[in-house]
Amino acid sequence: SKGCSEIYYGAHADDSAGNAYPDCSPAFAEAMNEAVYQGS
């Protein structure tokens, strides 16, 4: 709605380690990127 082409999201490796925060993992980021890219 605001005319942006990118969303910056600050997940890092320590948060996803050991499945502590699974929505910070590379796999999650990759899947969400694909969903956002396709859905937009």
PDB file of all heavy atoms in Angstrom:
ATOM      1  N   SER A   1       0.821  -1.217   0.000  1.00  0.00           N
ATOM      2  CA  SER A   1       0.000   0.000   0.000  1.00  0.00           C
ATOM      3  C   SER A   1       0.854   1.266   0.000  1.00  0.00           C
ATOM      4  O   SER A   1       0.448   2.305  -0.512  1.00  0.00           O
ATOM      5  CB  SER A   1      -0.931   0.011   1.216  1.00  0.00           C
ATOM      6  OG  SER A   1      -1.795  -1.102   1.194  1.00  0.00           O
ATOM      7  N   LYS A   2       2.057   1.156   0.598  1.00  0.00           N
ATOM      8  CA  LYS A   2       2.945   2.317   0.709  1.00  0.00           C
ATOM      9  C   LYS A   2       3.986   2.374  -0.412  1.00  0.00           C
ATOM     10  O   LYS A   2       4.882   3.209  -0.394  1.00  0.00           O
ATOM     11  CB  LYS A   2       3.658   2.300   2.059  1.00  0.00           C
ATOM     12  CG  LYS A   2       2.724   2.385   3.266  1.00  0.00           C
ATOM     13  CD  LYS A   2       2.081   3.765   3.400  1.00  0.00           C
ATOM     14  CE  LYS A   2       3.063   4.754   3.959  1.00  0.00           C
ATOM     15  NZ  LYS A   2       2.431   6.080   4.220  1.00  0.00           N
ATOM     16  N   GLY A   3       3.893   1.490  -1.373  1.00  0.00           N
ATOM     17  CA  GLY A   3       4.788   1.535  -2.516  1.00  0.00           C
ATOM     18  C   GLY A   3       6.181   0.990  -2.264  1.00  0.00           C
ATOM     19  O   GLY A   3       7.128   1.340  -2.985  1.00  0.00           O
ATOM     20  N   CYS A   4       6.318   0.112  -1.274  1.00  0.00           N
ATOM     21  CA  CYS A   4       7.625  -0.491  -0.968  1.00  0.00           C
ATOM     22  C   CYS A   4       7.857  -1.743  -1.810  1.00  0.00           C
ATOM     23  O   CYS A   4       6.906  -2.444  -2.169  1.00  0.00           O
ATOM     24  CB  CYS A   4       7.715  -0.864   0.509  1.00  0.00           C
ATOM     25  SG  CYS A   4       7.569   0.537   1.640  1.00  0.00           S
ATOM     26  N   SER A   5       9.102  -2.033  -2.068  1.00  0.00           N
ATOM     27  CA  SER A   5       9.443  -3.246  -2.817  1.00  0.00           C
ATOM     28  C   SER A   5      10.195  -4.253  -1.954  1.00  0.00           C
ATOM     29  O   SER A   5      10.421  -5.381  -2.389  1.00  0.00           O
ATOM     30  CB  SER A   5      10.279  -2.901  -4.048  1.00  0.00           C
ATOM     31  OG  SER A   5      11.443  -2.188  -3.678  1.00  0.00           O
ATOM     32  N   GLU A   6      10.578  -3.850  -0.732  1.00  0.00           N
ATOM     33  CA  GLU A   6      11.311  -4.750   0.165  1.00  0.00           C
ATOM     34  C   GLU A   6      10.858  -4.571   1.604  1.00  0.00           C
ATOM     35  O   GLU A   6      10.477  -3.474   2.019  1.00  0.00           O
ATOM     36  CB  GLU A   6      12.817  -4.501   0.074  1.00  0.00           C
ATOM     37  CG  GLU A   6      13.420  -4.848  -1.280  1.00  0.00           C
ATOM     38  CD  GLU A   6      14.932  -4.657  -1.323  1.00  0.00           C
ATOM     39  OE1 GLU A   6      15.456  -3.861  -0.522  1.00  0.00           O
ATOM     40  OE2 GLU A   6      15.570  -5.308  -2.163  1.00  0.00           O
ATOM     41  N   ILE A   7      10.914  -5.665   2.346  1.00  0.00           N
ATOM     42  CA  ILE A   7      10.668  -5.656   3.788  1.00  0.00           C
ATOM     43  C   ILE A   7      11.919  -6.177   4.469  1.00  0.00           C
ATOM     44  O   ILE A   7      12.367  -7.299   4.188  1.00  0.00           O
ATOM     45  CB  ILE A   7       9.480  -6.553   4.187  1.00  0.00           C
ATOM     46  CG1 ILE A   7       8.191  -6.073   3.518  1.00  0.00           C
ATOM     47  CG2 ILE A   7       9.305  -6.566   5.705  1.00  0.00           C
ATOM     48  CD1 ILE A   7       7.035  -7.049   3.706  1.00  0.00           C
ATOM     49  N   TYR A   8      12.485  -5.388   5.339  1.00  0.00           N
ATOM     50  CA  TYR A   8      13.656  -5.810   6.111  1.00  0.00           C
ATOM     51  C   TYR A   8      13.199  -6.442   7.422  1.00  0.00           C
ATOM     52  O   TYR A   8      12.356  -5.898   8.134  1.00  0.00           O
ATOM     53  CB  TYR A   8      14.554  -4.609   6.421  1.00  0.00           C
ATOM     54  CG  TYR A   8      15.539  -4.264   5.344  1.00  0.00           C
ATOM     55  CD1 TYR A   8      15.110  -3.780   4.111  1.00  0.00           C
ATOM     56  CD2 TYR A   8      16.906  -4.399   5.548  1.00  0.00           C
ATOM     57  CE1 TYR A   8      16.010  -3.449   3.115  1.00  0.00           C
ATOM     58  CE2 TYR A   8      17.820  -4.068   4.553  1.00  0.00           C
ATOM     59  CZ  TYR A   8      17.364  -3.596   3.350  1.00  0.00           C
ATOM     60  OH  TYR A   8      18.273  -3.264   2.364  1.00  0.00           O
ATOM     61  N   TYR A   9      13.832  -7.575   7.748  1.00  0.00           N
ATOM     62  CA  TYR A   9      13.426  -8.380   8.903  1.00  0.00           C
ATOM     63  C   TYR A   9      14.703  -8.891   9.582  1.00  0.00           C
ATOM     64  O   TYR A   9      15.537  -9.528   8.949  1.00  0.00           O
ATOM     65  CB  TYR A   9      12.522  -9.497   8.378  1.00  0.00           C
ATOM     66  CG  TYR A   9      12.351 -10.736   9.194  1.00  0.00           C
ATOM     67  CD1 TYR A   9      11.913 -10.677  10.514  1.00  0.00           C
ATOM     68  CD2 TYR A   9      12.561 -11.992   8.616  1.00  0.00           C
ATOM     69  CE1 TYR A   9      11.729 -11.836  11.239  1.00  0.00           C
ATOM     70  CE2 TYR A   9      12.360 -13.144   9.327  1.00  0.00           C
ATOM     71  CZ  TYR A   9      11.947 -13.065  10.645  1.00  0.00           C
ATOM     72  OH  TYR A   9      11.753 -14.220  11.360  1.00  0.00           O
ATOM     73  N   GLY A  10      14.871  -8.569  10.880  1.00  0.00           N
ATOM     74  CA  GLY A  10      16.158  -8.764  11.545  1.00  0.00           C
ATOM     75  C   GLY A  10      16.407 -10.079  12.249  1.00  0.00           C
ATOM     76  O   GLY A  10      17.115 -10.104  13.254  1.00  0.00           O
ATOM     77  N   ALA A  11      15.850 -11.179  11.745  1.00  0.00           N
ATOM     78  CA  ALA A  11      16.129 -12.486  12.348  1.00  0.00           C
ATOM     79  C   ALA A  11      17.616 -12.807  12.251  1.00  0.00           C
ATOM     80  O   ALA A  11      18.272 -12.465  11.269  1.00  0.00           O
ATOM     81  CB  ALA A  11      15.334 -13.569  11.639  1.00  0.00           C
ATOM     82  N   HIS A  12      18.155 -13.474  13.278  1.00  0.00           N
ATOM     83  CA  HIS A  12      19.564 -13.878  13.238  1.00  0.00           C
ATOM     84  C   HIS A  12      19.725 -15.309  13.727  1.00  0.00           C
ATOM     85  O   HIS A  12      18.800 -15.903  14.293  1.00  0.00           O
ATOM     86  CB  HIS A  12      20.434 -12.909  14.045  1.00  0.00           C
ATOM     87  CG  HIS A  12      20.114 -12.860  15.503  1.00  0.00           C
ATOM     88  ND1 HIS A  12      20.606 -13.760  16.408  1.00  0.00           N
ATOM     89  CD2 HIS A  12      19.342 -11.998  16.207  1.00  0.00           C
ATOM     90  CE1 HIS A  12      20.161 -13.469  17.614  1.00  0.00           C
ATOM     91  NE2 HIS A  12      19.383 -12.406  17.517  1.00  0.00           N
ATOM     92  N   ALA A  13      20.912 -15.870  13.502  1.00  0.00           N
ATOM     93  CA  ALA A  13      21.138 -17.305  13.705  1.00  0.00           C
ATOM     94  C   ALA A  13      21.005 -17.742  15.154  1.00  0.00           C
ATOM     95  O   ALA A  13      20.550 -18.864  15.423  1.00  0.00           O
ATOM     96  CB  ALA A  13      22.522 -17.681  13.166  1.00  0.00           C
ATOM     97  N   ASP A  14      21.375 -16.913  16.110  1.00  0.00           N
ATOM     98  CA  ASP A  14      21.296 -17.318  17.507  1.00  0.00           C
ATOM     99  C   ASP A  14      19.862 -17.566  17.949  1.00  0.00           C
ATOM    100  O   ASP A  14      19.591 -18.463  18.759  1.00  0.00           O
ATOM    101  CB  ASP A  14      21.924 -16.255  18.419  1.00  0.00           C
ATOM    102  CG  ASP A  14      23.447 -16.214  18.301  1.00  0.00           C
ATOM    103  OD1 ASP A  14      24.015 -17.153  17.727  1.00  0.00           O
ATOM    104  OD2 ASP A  14      24.046 -15.242  18.789  1.00  0.00           O
ATOM    105  N   ASP A  15      18.914 -16.781  17.432  1.00  0.00           N
ATOM    106  CA  ASP A  15      17.517 -16.949  17.832  1.00  0.00           C
ATOM    107  C   ASP A  15      16.915 -18.237  17.287  1.00  0.00           C
ATOM    108  O   ASP A  15      16.024 -18.822  17.910  1.00  0.00           O
ATOM    109  CB  ASP A  15      16.683 -15.753  17.369  1.00  0.00           C
ATOM    110  CG  ASP A  15      16.702 -14.610  18.371  1.00  0.00           C
ATOM    111  OD1 ASP A  15      17.214 -14.804  19.492  1.00  0.00           O
ATOM    112  OD2 ASP A  15      16.217 -13.508  18.025  1.00  0.00           O
ATOM    113  N   SER A  16      17.357 -18.668  16.121  1.00  0.00           N
ATOM    114  CA  SER A  16      16.792 -19.890  15.536  1.00  0.00           C
ATOM    115  C   SER A  16      17.509 -21.147  16.012  1.00  0.00           C
ATOM    116  O   SER A  16      17.010 -22.259  15.825  1.00  0.00           O
ATOM    117  CB  SER A  16      16.841 -19.827  14.011  1.00  0.00           C
ATOM    118  OG  SER A  16      18.173 -19.778  13.543  1.00  0.00           O
ATOM    119  N   ALA A  17      18.661 -20.991  16.658  1.00  0.00           N
ATOM    120  CA  ALA A  17      19.450 -22.148  17.094  1.00  0.00           C
ATOM    121  C   ALA A  17      18.663 -23.006  18.073  1.00  0.00           C
ATOM    122  O   ALA A  17      18.021 -22.498  18.996  1.00  0.00           O
ATOM    123  CB  ALA A  17      20.749 -21.689  17.736  1.00  0.00           C
ATOM    124  N   GLY A  18      18.705 -24.317  17.857  1.00  0.00           N
ATOM    125  CA  GLY A  18      18.029 -25.233  18.765  1.00  0.00           C
ATOM    126  C   GLY A  18      16.523 -25.163  18.705  1.00  0.00           C
ATOM    127  O   GLY A  18      15.832 -25.667  19.586  1.00  0.00           O
ATOM    128  N   ASN A  19      15.977 -24.506  17.679  1.00  0.00           N
ATOM    129  CA  ASN A  19      14.529 -24.346  17.516  1.00  0.00           C
ATOM    130  C   ASN A  19      13.920 -23.440  18.582  1.00  0.00           C
ATOM    131  O   ASN A  19      12.718 -23.505  18.853  1.00  0.00           O
ATOM    132  CB  ASN A  19      13.815 -25.702  17.534  1.00  0.00           C
ATOM    133  CG  ASN A  19      12.510 -25.688  16.763  1.00  0.00           C
ATOM    134  OD1 ASN A  19      12.405 -25.039  15.730  1.00  0.00           O
ATOM    135  ND2 ASN A  19      11.513 -26.392  17.264  1.00  0.00           N
ATOM    136  N   ALA A  20      14.746 -22.580  19.192  1.00  0.00           N
ATOM    137  CA  ALA A  20      14.242 -21.664  20.220  1.00  0.00           C
ATOM    138  C   ALA A  20      13.143 -20.784  19.650  1.00  0.00           C
ATOM    139  O   ALA A  20      12.060 -20.660  20.229  1.00  0.00           O
ATOM    140  CB  ALA A  20      15.381 -20.810  20.771  1.00  0.00           C
ATOM    141  N   TYR A  21      13.430 -20.164  18.515  1.00  0.00           N
ATOM    142  CA  TYR A  21      12.454 -19.339  17.806  1.00  0.00           C
ATOM    143  C   TYR A  21      12.421 -19.805  16.352  1.00  0.00           C
ATOM    144  O   TYR A  21      13.169 -19.293  15.516  1.00  0.00           O
ATOM    145  CB  TYR A  21      12.831 -17.860  17.885  1.00  0.00           C
ATOM    146  CG  TYR A  21      12.775 -17.287  19.280  1.00  0.00           C
ATOM    147  CD1 TYR A  21      13.921 -17.175  20.060  1.00  0.00           C
ATOM    148  CD2 TYR A  21      11.564 -16.873  19.828  1.00  0.00           C
ATOM    149  CE1 TYR A  21      13.864 -16.661  21.337  1.00  0.00           C
ATOM    150  CE2 TYR A  21      11.505 -16.358  21.118  1.00  0.00           C
ATOM    151  CZ  TYR A  21      12.649 -16.243  21.866  1.00  0.00           C
ATOM    152  OH  TYR A  21      12.597 -15.741  23.141  1.00  0.00           O
ATOM    153  N   PRO A  22      11.574 -20.772  16.026  1.00  0.00           N
ATOM    154  CA  PRO A  22      11.580 -21.337  14.671  1.00  0.00           C
ATOM    155  C   PRO A  22      11.218 -20.331  13.587  1.00  0.00           C
ATOM    156  O   PRO A  22      11.573 -20.524  12.422  1.00  0.00           O
ATOM    157  CB  PRO A  22      10.541 -22.457  14.752  1.00  0.00           C
ATOM    158  CG  PRO A  22       9.689 -22.126  15.937  1.00  0.00           C
ATOM    159  CD  PRO A  22      10.593 -21.442  16.894  1.00  0.00           C
ATOM    160  N   ASP A  23      10.525 -19.241  13.949  1.00  0.00           N
ATOM    161  CA  ASP A  23      10.180 -18.232  12.945  1.00  0.00           C
ATOM    162  C   ASP A  23      11.293 -17.203  12.754  1.00  0.00           C
ATOM    163  O   ASP A  23      11.066 -16.109  12.244  1.00  0.00           O
ATOM    164  CB  ASP A  23       8.856 -17.544  13.268  1.00  0.00           C
ATOM    165  CG  ASP A  23       8.807 -16.916  14.653  1.00  0.00           C
ATOM    166  OD1 ASP A  23       9.784 -17.076  15.421  1.00  0.00           O
ATOM    167  OD2 ASP A  23       7.788 -16.272  14.981  1.00  0.00           O
ATOM    168  N   CYS A  24      12.509 -17.605  13.150  1.00  0.00           N
ATOM    169  CA  CYS A  24      13.712 -16.815  12.857  1.00  0.00           C
ATOM    170  C   CYS A  24      14.699 -17.607  12.004  1.00  0.00           C
ATOM    171  O   CYS A  24      15.806 -17.148  11.750  1.00  0.00           O
ATOM    172  CB  CYS A  24      14.404 -16.384  14.159  1.00  0.00           C
ATOM    173  SG  CYS A  24      13.497 -15.147  15.112  1.00  0.00           S
ATOM    174  N   SER A  25      14.310 -18.784  11.579  1.00  0.00           N
ATOM    175  CA  SER A  25      15.233 -19.677  10.876  1.00  0.00           C
ATOM    176  C   SER A  25      15.366 -19.314   9.400  1.00  0.00           C
ATOM    177  O   SER A  25      14.479 -18.695   8.811  1.00  0.00           O
ATOM    178  CB  SER A  25      14.730 -21.124  10.977  1.00  0.00           C
ATOM    179  OG  SER A  25      13.543 -21.278  10.210  1.00  0.00           O
ATOM    180  N   PRO A  26      16.466 -19.719   8.766  1.00  0.00           N
ATOM    181  CA  PRO A  26      16.625 -19.489   7.326  1.00  0.00           C
ATOM    182  C   PRO A  26      15.502 -20.139   6.519  1.00  0.00           C
ATOM    183  O   PRO A  26      15.026 -19.548   5.535  1.00  0.00           O
ATOM    184  CB  PRO A  26      17.980 -20.132   7.013  1.00  0.00           C
ATOM    185  CG  PRO A  26      18.739 -20.058   8.301  1.00  0.00           C
ATOM    186  CD  PRO A  26      17.700 -20.287   9.375  1.00  0.00           C
ATOM    187  N   ALA A  27      15.073 -21.345   6.919  1.00  0.00           N
ATOM    188  CA  ALA A  27      14.004 -22.036   6.186  1.00  0.00           C
ATOM    189  C   ALA A  27      12.703 -21.242   6.247  1.00  0.00           C
ATOM    190  O   ALA A  27      11.982 -21.114   5.244  1.00  0.00           O
ATOM    191  CB  ALA A  27      13.806 -23.437   6.753  1.00  0.00           C
ATOM    192  N   PHE A  28      12.395 -20.711   7.430  1.00  0.00           N
ATOM    193  CA  PHE A  28      11.186 -19.896   7.579  1.00  0.00           C
ATOM    194  C   PHE A  28      11.285 -18.632   6.730  1.00  0.00           C
ATOM    195  O   PHE A  28      10.334 -18.266   6.024  1.00  0.00           O
ATOM    196  CB  PHE A  28      10.979 -19.524   9.049  1.00  0.00           C
ATOM    197  CG  PHE A  28       9.852 -18.559   9.285  1.00  0.00           C
ATOM    198  CD1 PHE A  28       8.545 -19.011   9.372  1.00  0.00           C
ATOM    199  CD2 PHE A  28      10.101 -17.200   9.411  1.00  0.00           C
ATOM    200  CE1 PHE A  28       7.496 -18.115   9.566  1.00  0.00           C
ATOM    201  CE2 PHE A  28       9.065 -16.303   9.609  1.00  0.00           C
ATOM    202  CZ  PHE A  28       7.761 -16.762   9.693  1.00  0.00           C
ATOM    203  N   ALA A  29      12.419 -17.954   6.795  1.00  0.00           N
ATOM    204  CA  ALA A  29      12.595 -16.717   6.030  1.00  0.00           C
ATOM    205  C   ALA A  29      12.465 -16.979   4.537  1.00  0.00           C
ATOM    206  O   ALA A  29      11.831 -16.195   3.805  1.00  0.00           O
ATOM    207  CB  ALA A  29      13.955 -16.106   6.350  1.00  0.00           C
ATOM    208  N   GLU A  30      13.038 -18.085   4.092  1.00  0.00           N
ATOM    209  CA  GLU A  30      12.964 -18.426   2.667  1.00  0.00           C
ATOM    210  C   GLU A  30      11.525 -18.707   2.244  1.00  0.00           C
ATOM    211  O   GLU A  30      11.065 -18.252   1.186  1.00  0.00           O
ATOM    212  CB  GLU A  30      13.845 -19.644   2.377  1.00  0.00           C
ATOM    213  CG  GLU A  30      13.898 -20.031   0.913  1.00  0.00           C
ATOM    214  CD  GLU A  30      14.826 -21.209   0.656  1.00  0.00           C
ATOM    215  OE1 GLU A  30      15.624 -21.556   1.545  1.00  0.00           O
ATOM    216  OE2 GLU A  30      14.755 -21.781  -0.450  1.00  0.00           O
ATOM    217  N   ALA A  31      10.798 -19.457   3.092  1.00  0.00           N
ATOM    218  CA  ALA A  31       9.410 -19.786   2.773  1.00  0.00           C
ATOM    219  C   ALA A  31       8.526 -18.536   2.769  1.00  0.00           C
ATOM    220  O   ALA A  31       7.674 -18.364   1.886  1.00  0.00           O
ATOM    221  CB  ALA A  31       8.878 -20.802   3.783  1.00  0.00           C
ATOM    222  N   MET A  32       8.719 -17.656   3.753  1.00  0.00           N
ATOM    223  CA  MET A  32       7.928 -16.435   3.812  1.00  0.00           C
ATOM    224  C   MET A  32       8.263 -15.508   2.644  1.00  0.00           C
ATOM    225  O   MET A  32       7.381 -14.854   2.089  1.00  0.00           O
ATOM    226  CB  MET A  32       8.165 -15.716   5.135  1.00  0.00           C
ATOM    227  CG  MET A  32       7.501 -16.367   6.329  1.00  0.00           C
ATOM    228  SD  MET A  32       5.676 -16.494   6.205  1.00  0.00           S
ATOM    229  CE  MET A  32       5.200 -14.764   6.151  1.00  0.00           C
ATOM    230  N   ASN A  33       9.520 -15.468   2.256  1.00  0.00           N
ATOM    231  CA  ASN A  33       9.897 -14.647   1.115  1.00  0.00           C
ATOM    232  C   ASN A  33       9.192 -15.119  -0.148  1.00  0.00           C
ATOM    233  O   ASN A  33       8.664 -14.304  -0.921  1.00  0.00           O
ATOM    234  CB  ASN A  33      11.411 -14.689   0.899  1.00  0.00           C
ATOM    235  CG  ASN A  33      11.838 -13.868  -0.309  1.00  0.00           C
ATOM    236  OD1 ASN A  33      11.468 -12.715  -0.438  1.00  0.00           O
ATOM    237  ND2 ASN A  33      12.591 -14.488  -1.214  1.00  0.00           N
ATOM    238  N   GLU A  34       9.153 -16.433  -0.335  1.00  0.00           N
ATOM    239  CA  GLU A  34       8.483 -16.975  -1.521  1.00  0.00           C
ATOM    240  C   GLU A  34       6.989 -16.670  -1.480  1.00  0.00           C
ATOM    241  O   GLU A  34       6.392 -16.295  -2.504  1.00  0.00           O
ATOM    242  CB  GLU A  34       8.718 -18.484  -1.607  1.00  0.00           C
ATOM    243  CG  GLU A  34       8.096 -19.157  -2.824  1.00  0.00           C
ATOM    244  CD  GLU A  34       8.695 -18.687  -4.154  1.00  0.00           C
ATOM    245  OE1 GLU A  34       9.798 -18.104  -4.145  1.00  0.00           O
ATOM    246  OE2 GLU A  34       8.049 -18.909  -5.198  1.00  0.00           O
ATOM    247  N   ALA A  35       6.375 -16.811  -0.300  1.00  0.00           N
ATOM    248  CA  ALA A  35       4.945 -16.533  -0.164  1.00  0.00           C
ATOM    249  C   ALA A  35       4.643 -15.063  -0.442  1.00  0.00           C
ATOM    250  O   ALA A  35       3.685 -14.725  -1.156  1.00  0.00           O
ATOM    251  CB  ALA A  35       4.468 -16.911   1.241  1.00  0.00           C
ATOM    252  N   VAL A  36       5.456 -14.175   0.133  1.00  0.00           N
ATOM    253  CA  VAL A  36       5.256 -12.738  -0.071  1.00  0.00           C
ATOM    254  C   VAL A  36       5.481 -12.363  -1.539  1.00  0.00           C
ATOM    255  O   VAL A  36       4.709 -11.588  -2.126  1.00  0.00           O
ATOM    256  CB  VAL A  36       6.200 -11.933   0.849  1.00  0.00           C
ATOM    257  CG1 VAL A  36       6.260 -10.468   0.433  1.00  0.00           C
ATOM    258  CG2 VAL A  36       5.747 -12.046   2.297  1.00  0.00           C
ATOM    259  N   TYR A  37       6.517 -12.914  -2.132  1.00  0.00           N
ATOM    260  CA  TYR A  37       6.835 -12.607  -3.534  1.00  0.00           C
ATOM    261  C   TYR A  37       5.717 -13.068  -4.469  1.00  0.00           C
ATOM    262  O   TYR A  37       5.253 -12.319  -5.336  1.00  0.00           O
ATOM    263  CB  TYR A  37       8.157 -13.264  -3.912  1.00  0.00           C
ATOM    264  CG  TYR A  37       8.667 -12.909  -5.288  1.00  0.00           C
ATOM    265  CD1 TYR A  37       8.956 -11.588  -5.625  1.00  0.00           C
ATOM    266  CD2 TYR A  37       8.878 -13.899  -6.242  1.00  0.00           C
ATOM    267  CE1 TYR A  37       9.432 -11.261  -6.883  1.00  0.00           C
ATOM    268  CE2 TYR A  37       9.358 -13.586  -7.512  1.00  0.00           C
ATOM    269  CZ  TYR A  37       9.630 -12.269  -7.823  1.00  0.00           C
ATOM    270  OH  TYR A  37      10.096 -11.947  -9.078  1.00  0.00           O
ATOM    271  N   GLN A  38       5.263 -14.301  -4.262  1.00  0.00           N
ATOM    272  CA  GLN A  38       4.181 -14.827  -5.093  1.00  0.00           C
ATOM    273  C   GLN A  38       2.872 -14.092  -4.820  1.00  0.00           C
ATOM    274  O   GLN A  38       2.142 -13.715  -5.742  1.00  0.00           O
ATOM    275  CB  GLN A  38       4.005 -16.333  -4.818  1.00  0.00           C
ATOM    276  CG  GLN A  38       5.160 -17.204  -5.259  1.00  0.00           C
ATOM    277  CD  GLN A  38       5.279 -17.323  -6.766  1.00  0.00           C
ATOM    278  OE1 GLN A  38       4.312 -17.112  -7.504  1.00  0.00           O
ATOM    279  NE2 GLN A  38       6.475 -17.663  -7.233  1.00  0.00           N
ATOM    280  N   GLY A  39       2.569 -13.906  -3.530  1.00  0.00           N
ATOM    281  CA  GLY A  39       1.294 -13.301  -3.149  1.00  0.00           C
ATOM    282  C   GLY A  39       1.179 -11.834  -3.483  1.00  0.00           C
ATOM    283  O   GLY A  39       0.081 -11.277  -3.499  1.00  0.00           O
ATOM    284  N   SER A  40       2.318 -11.177  -3.732  1.00  0.00           N
ATOM    285  CA  SER A  40       2.302  -9.756  -4.083  1.00  0.00           C
ATOM    286  C   SER A  40       2.350  -9.549  -5.593  1.00  0.00           C
ATOM    287  O   SER A  40       2.474  -8.405  -6.053  1.00  0.00           O
ATOM    288  CB  SER A  40       3.497  -9.043  -3.440  1.00  0.00           C
ATOM    289  OG  SER A  40       4.721  -9.519  -3.995  1.00  0.00           O
TER     290      SER A  40
END
